[in-house]
Amino acid sequence: MSRNWKMILAAGILAAAGAAVWGCQAAVPRHAEAREIAVKVTDRGFVPREVKVSRGDDVTLVFTREVAQTCAVSVVVGDSAVQRDLPLNEPVRVALGKVSRDRIEFACPMRMLTGEVVTR
């Protein structure tokens, strides 16, 4: 083996050993945290009305009701499986997990105000 190859091999071994000993995570993707997307409830309804994400994204919607007079005092997400109260001016997190469907609807309980998460 040439001297250059020996040096490259030694550097690789040392780098791998250092990563193991010191817990280096440079090669590990940093997708552990969910992507939080703010959705406001205003006098115009849900803003934004359409949230675009990539298939497989780990998504949490953060709803904040900014108006007192609205039918959206709570939100229903998906096929009525998840319903959360929306107190005035308090963020409410709804974790969707890794999005695999083309479309996930969210709405007020009466379905007068609606929005959706759409995969691209």
C-alpha atoms as a PDB file:
ATOM      1  CA  MET A   1       0.000   0.000   0.000  1.00  0.00           C
ATOM      2  CA  SER A   2       1.282   3.458  -0.797  1.00  0.00           C
ATOM      3  CA  ARG A   3       1.962   5.929   1.953  1.00  0.00           C
ATOM      4  CA  ASN A   4      -0.992   8.189   0.928  1.00  0.00           C
ATOM      5  CA  TRP A   5      -3.456   5.320   1.096  1.00  0.00           C
ATOM      6  CA  LYS A   6      -2.183   4.336   4.524  1.00  0.00           C
ATOM      7  CA  MET A   7      -2.690   7.903   5.753  1.00  0.00           C
ATOM      8  CA  ILE A   8      -6.218   8.056   4.309  1.00  0.00           C
ATOM      9  CA  LEU A   9      -7.093   4.693   5.853  1.00  0.00           C
ATOM     10  CA  ALA A  10      -5.685   5.755   9.241  1.00  0.00           C
ATOM     11  CA  ALA A  11      -7.615   9.045   9.135  1.00  0.00           C
ATOM     12  CA  GLY A  12     -10.839   7.165   8.372  1.00  0.00           C
ATOM     13  CA  ILE A  13     -10.298   4.731  11.229  1.00  0.00           C
ATOM     14  CA  LEU A  14      -9.558   7.561  13.659  1.00  0.00           C
ATOM     15  CA  ALA A  15     -12.640   9.487  12.543  1.00  0.00           C
ATOM     16  CA  ALA A  16     -14.860   6.428  13.006  1.00  0.00           C
ATOM     17  CA  ALA A  17     -13.349   5.710  16.426  1.00  0.00           C
ATOM     18  CA  GLY A  18     -13.817   9.332  17.478  1.00  0.00           C
ATOM     19  CA  ALA A  19     -17.461   9.261  16.423  1.00  0.00           C
ATOM     20  CA  ALA A  20     -18.045   6.102  18.444  1.00  0.00           C
ATOM     21  CA  VAL A  21     -16.236   7.367  21.546  1.00  0.00           C
ATOM     22  CA  TRP A  22     -17.515  10.946  21.604  1.00  0.00           C
ATOM     23  CA  GLY A  23     -20.993  10.300  20.241  1.00  0.00           C
ATOM     24  CA  CYS A  24     -20.508  12.335  17.097  1.00  0.00           C
ATOM     25  CA  GLN A  25     -23.755  12.390  15.116  1.00  0.00           C
ATOM     26  CA  ALA A  26     -22.724  14.326  12.041  1.00  0.00           C
ATOM     27  CA  ALA A  27     -23.934  11.557   9.715  1.00  0.00           C
ATOM     28  CA  VAL A  28     -27.315  11.191  11.460  1.00  0.00           C
ATOM     29  CA  PRO A  29     -30.142  13.189   9.843  1.00  0.00           C
ATOM     30  CA  ARG A  30     -31.742  15.753  12.133  1.00  0.00           C
ATOM     31  CA  HIS A  31     -35.429  15.078  11.487  1.00  0.00           C
ATOM     32  CA  ALA A  32     -36.303  14.072  15.027  1.00  0.00           C
ATOM     33  CA  GLU A  33     -38.458  17.119  15.727  1.00  0.00           C
ATOM     34  CA  ALA A  34     -41.805  17.671  14.076  1.00  0.00           C
ATOM     35  CA  ARG A  35     -42.232  20.585  11.731  1.00  0.00           C
ATOM     36  CA  GLU A  36     -44.615  23.026  13.436  1.00  0.00           C
ATOM     37  CA  ILE A  37     -46.962  24.967  11.200  1.00  0.00           C
ATOM     38  CA  ALA A  38     -48.973  27.879  12.584  1.00  0.00           C
ATOM     39  CA  VAL A  39     -52.651  28.095  11.658  1.00  0.00           C
ATOM     40  CA  LYS A  40     -54.616  31.078  12.937  1.00  0.00           C
ATOM     41  CA  VAL A  41     -58.359  31.315  13.412  1.00  0.00           C
ATOM     42  CA  THR A  42     -59.380  34.812  12.322  1.00  0.00           C
ATOM     43  CA  ASP A  43     -62.561  36.502  11.147  1.00  0.00           C
ATOM     44  CA  ARG A  44     -61.677  35.034   7.712  1.00  0.00           C
ATOM     45  CA  GLY A  45     -61.531  31.460   9.055  1.00  0.00           C
ATOM     46  CA  PHE A  46     -58.407  29.303   9.128  1.00  0.00           C
ATOM     47  CA  VAL A  47     -55.296  31.128   7.904  1.00  0.00           C
ATOM     48  CA  PRO A  48     -53.658  29.610   5.963  1.00  0.00           C
ATOM     49  CA  ARG A  49     -56.548  27.550   4.646  1.00  0.00           C
ATOM     50  CA  GLU A  50     -54.195  25.213   2.788  1.00  0.00           C
ATOM     51  CA  VAL A  51     -50.976  23.883   4.342  1.00  0.00           C
ATOM     52  CA  LYS A  52     -48.553  22.211   1.924  1.00  0.00           C
ATOM     53  CA  VAL A  53     -46.140  19.573   3.219  1.00  0.00           C
ATOM     54  CA  SER A  54     -44.045  16.822   1.719  1.00  0.00           C
ATOM     55  CA  ARG A  55     -45.166  13.215   2.047  1.00  0.00           C
ATOM     56  CA  GLY A  56     -43.428  11.703   5.075  1.00  0.00           C
ATOM     57  CA  ASP A  57     -42.931  15.026   6.893  1.00  0.00           C
ATOM     58  CA  ASP A  58     -43.511  14.831  10.647  1.00  0.00           C
ATOM     59  CA  VAL A  59     -46.054  17.641  11.109  1.00  0.00           C
ATOM     60  CA  THR A  60     -47.617  19.387  14.081  1.00  0.00           C
ATOM     61  CA  LEU A  61     -50.283  22.027  13.451  1.00  0.00           C
ATOM     62  CA  VAL A  62     -50.327  24.871  15.977  1.00  0.00           C
ATOM     63  CA  PHE A  63     -53.776  26.478  16.057  1.00  0.00           C
ATOM     64  CA  THR A  64     -54.286  29.897  17.657  1.00  0.00           C
ATOM     65  CA  ARG A  65     -57.781  31.394  17.816  1.00  0.00           C
ATOM     66  CA  GLU A  66     -57.468  35.179  17.548  1.00  0.00           C
ATOM     67  CA  VAL A  67     -61.168  36.129  17.485  1.00  0.00           C
ATOM     68  CA  ALA A  68     -63.878  35.617  20.085  1.00  0.00           C
ATOM     69  CA  GLN A  69     -66.841  35.491  17.696  1.00  0.00           C
ATOM     70  CA  THR A  70     -66.342  32.368  15.597  1.00  0.00           C
ATOM     71  CA  CYS A  71     -67.760  28.881  15.302  1.00  0.00           C
ATOM     72  CA  ALA A  72     -64.180  27.584  15.438  1.00  0.00           C
ATOM     73  CA  VAL A  73     -63.931  27.454  19.224  1.00  0.00           C
ATOM     74  CA  SER A  74     -62.601  23.960  18.637  1.00  0.00           C
ATOM     75  CA  VAL A  75     -61.050  22.152  15.689  1.00  0.00           C
ATOM     76  CA  VAL A  76     -61.715  18.710  14.262  1.00  0.00           C
ATOM     77  CA  VAL A  77     -58.736  17.153  12.456  1.00  0.00           C
ATOM     78  CA  GLY A  78     -58.987  14.246  10.060  1.00  0.00           C
ATOM     79  CA  ASP A  79     -62.026  12.006   9.995  1.00  0.00           C
ATOM     80  CA  SER A  80     -63.421  13.456  13.262  1.00  0.00           C
ATOM     81  CA  ALA A  81     -60.887  11.352  15.160  1.00  0.00           C
ATOM     82  CA  VAL A  82     -59.202  14.324  16.835  1.00  0.00           C
ATOM     83  CA  GLN A  83     -61.050  17.298  18.312  1.00  0.00           C
ATOM     84  CA  ARG A  84     -59.360  20.000  20.404  1.00  0.00           C
ATOM     85  CA  ASP A  85     -60.751  23.090  22.115  1.00  0.00           C
ATOM     86  CA  LEU A  86     -59.210  26.361  20.932  1.00  0.00           C
ATOM     87  CA  PRO A  87     -59.046  28.822  23.837  1.00  0.00           C
ATOM     88  CA  LEU A  88     -58.753  32.444  22.775  1.00  0.00           C
ATOM     89  CA  ASN A  89     -55.127  33.522  22.080  1.00  0.00           C
ATOM     90  CA  GLU A  90     -53.587  30.245  23.281  1.00  0.00           C
ATOM     91  CA  PRO A  91     -51.628  27.996  20.901  1.00  0.00           C
ATOM     92  CA  VAL A  92     -52.934  24.439  20.687  1.00  0.00           C
ATOM     93  CA  ARG A  93     -50.697  21.769  19.151  1.00  0.00           C
ATOM     94  CA  VAL A  94     -52.145  18.902  17.151  1.00  0.00           C
ATOM     95  CA  ALA A  95     -49.553  16.329  16.125  1.00  0.00           C
ATOM     96  CA  LEU A  96     -50.285  14.644  12.804  1.00  0.00           C
ATOM     97  CA  GLY A  97     -47.154  12.496  12.820  1.00  0.00           C
ATOM     98  CA  LYS A  98     -45.596  11.505   9.504  1.00  0.00           C
ATOM     99  CA  VAL A  99     -48.025  12.540   6.801  1.00  0.00           C
ATOM    100  CA  SER A 100     -48.766   9.711   4.389  1.00  0.00           C
ATOM    101  CA  ARG A 101     -52.161  10.732   3.020  1.00  0.00           C
ATOM    102  CA  ASP A 102     -52.714  13.129   0.117  1.00  0.00           C
ATOM    103  CA  ARG A 103     -55.060  15.314   2.135  1.00  0.00           C
ATOM    104  CA  ILE A 104     -56.020  15.817   5.790  1.00  0.00           C
ATOM    105  CA  GLU A 105     -58.916  18.153   6.473  1.00  0.00           C
ATOM    106  CA  PHE A 106     -59.360  20.335   9.555  1.00  0.00           C
ATOM    107  CA  ALA A 107     -62.552  22.221  10.370  1.00  0.00           C
ATOM    108  CA  CYS A 108     -64.757  23.756  12.997  1.00  0.00           C
ATOM    109  CA  PRO A 109     -67.168  21.181  14.501  1.00  0.00           C
ATOM    110  CA  MET A 110     -70.029  22.442  12.283  1.00  0.00           C
ATOM    111  CA  ARG A 111     -67.775  22.204   9.170  1.00  0.00           C
ATOM    112  CA  MET A 112     -68.553  25.833   8.239  1.00  0.00           C
ATOM    113  CA  LEU A 113     -64.864  26.798   8.361  1.00  0.00           C
ATOM    114  CA  THR A 114     -62.435  24.361   6.801  1.00  0.00           C
ATOM    115  CA  GLY A 115     -58.816  23.954   5.868  1.00  0.00           C
ATOM    116  CA  GLU A 116     -56.548  21.160   4.762  1.00  0.00           C
ATOM    117  CA  VAL A 117     -53.042  19.745   4.820  1.00  0.00           C
ATOM    118  CA  VAL A 118     -52.019  18.752   1.292  1.00  0.00           C
ATOM    119  CA  THR A 119     -48.971  16.676   0.339  1.00  0.00           C
ATOM    120  CA  ARG A 120     -46.922  17.698  -2.640  1.00  0.00           C
END
